[in-house]
């Protein structure tokens, strides 16, 4: 049975003359029925799943003699605190209006909010300690390294070494060449978050524009969003690139 963890008791009951004229036992019986309606979580109806509860079921749940409950129900129904529909199913009057949405609807809305939050966080995720993606070195460019001839590899290596000595310079729009290449690869005009922009700048400064450019093209071919691409680039370049200033610059599979 779905269950509300608590129910609201309204302070205006203190000034309700109909409720105030009840004896203490009957007042407590009404509170018990409100608690049971919350446990049933059926907008005020007394129901066990799809099955409506009769007086005997309610009496058993409240540990009462059926005769005592029947007398209390007559009294509470007479002043409008307990009602019955056309099928004879009993419910606490105005329970749904005063308590708000059923608990199962609140749980569903909460799950939907959390799902939207996770999607936003995934889209905006930047390199960190939460996640590290395995990258196949032979898939970084979508090609096997055996397809590159020695001369082509030598030219690429020389280009990386030449670029490694140059700082990442910003243009008039405030973006470095590597940052503009990243945006162009994903068809974006600007970075969605400042951490994404700073992460690409850090990778360009550490590995050079040429190495970053090849990694960006690989990430774009994989169909990643920008947030996941930043995370994957940081992981891939850390494993297969070498920072600027090393004796050699080598990116296996790029």
Foldseek 3Di string as FASTA:
>chain_A
DAADPDFDDDPCCVVDVLLVPDDPVLNVVLVVLLRQLRGCLPLFFRADVVHGDDLVRSCVVVVHDSVVSVVSVVSCVVVPQWDADPVRTIGGPCRCVRGDHGPVVVVVVVVVVVVVVVVVCQLQAAADDPDADDDDLQLLQDHGPVVDDPVRVVVLQVVQLVQLVDQFDADPVRAGPLLVLLCVLQVHPDDPDPRLRVLSNVCCNFRNSSVSNSNSNSLSVVVDRSNVSNNHSVNQCVVAFGTRPDPTTGGRND
